Amino acid sequence: MDRPQDEYFSSYFPRLNSAVNGCINWSWMSEQLVRFITAFDDPCPGAYCRIALNNYEKVYLKKARVLAFEADFHPFQSGLIYRKDPHVVYVCTPGGAIVVGAIFSEDSIEITSLSAVAERFFSVSRDLEESLSSRVVFTPSGLRS
């Protein structure tokens, strides 16, 4: 027996596209950043921001996790790579830190090992505004431009 959905209890959230809606807001706390990056992880290209490597190119972050019991970083430090090892980078966030396990270029080339301590991940206001103001629409044949 079909019955209509009770609109009082309904919710609708539009679909997202990594290339448009995946811009990272570095003012968010560690847990929020990790949830956001994870939401755009595989099979998607990743959540994106920019870094000074190669002329402030757009990079995609994946495999993030909260680094528990790390320093309480100031919001001005947010996005700074403060430590790295051969496989991950450690990034300051307001009130904590995250570990990023994979960084990809726009060409889908992993560049995690090219990152350097004291480099900063950042998002320009143009990217953040587009991310928040765009609503993507998918049709049976794919993304509608």
Foldseek 3Di string as FASTA:
>chain_A
DDDDDDPVPDDDDFDAAQVFQQEADQQDAQVVRQVSQAVQAPPHQTRWFFWPPPNGAIKHFHDKDFDPPDDQDDQVQGQFFADDDQFWTWGDGHGGIMITRFMAGPVRHTCRNVDDGGIGTHHDVVRVVRNVPDGWDADPVGTDD
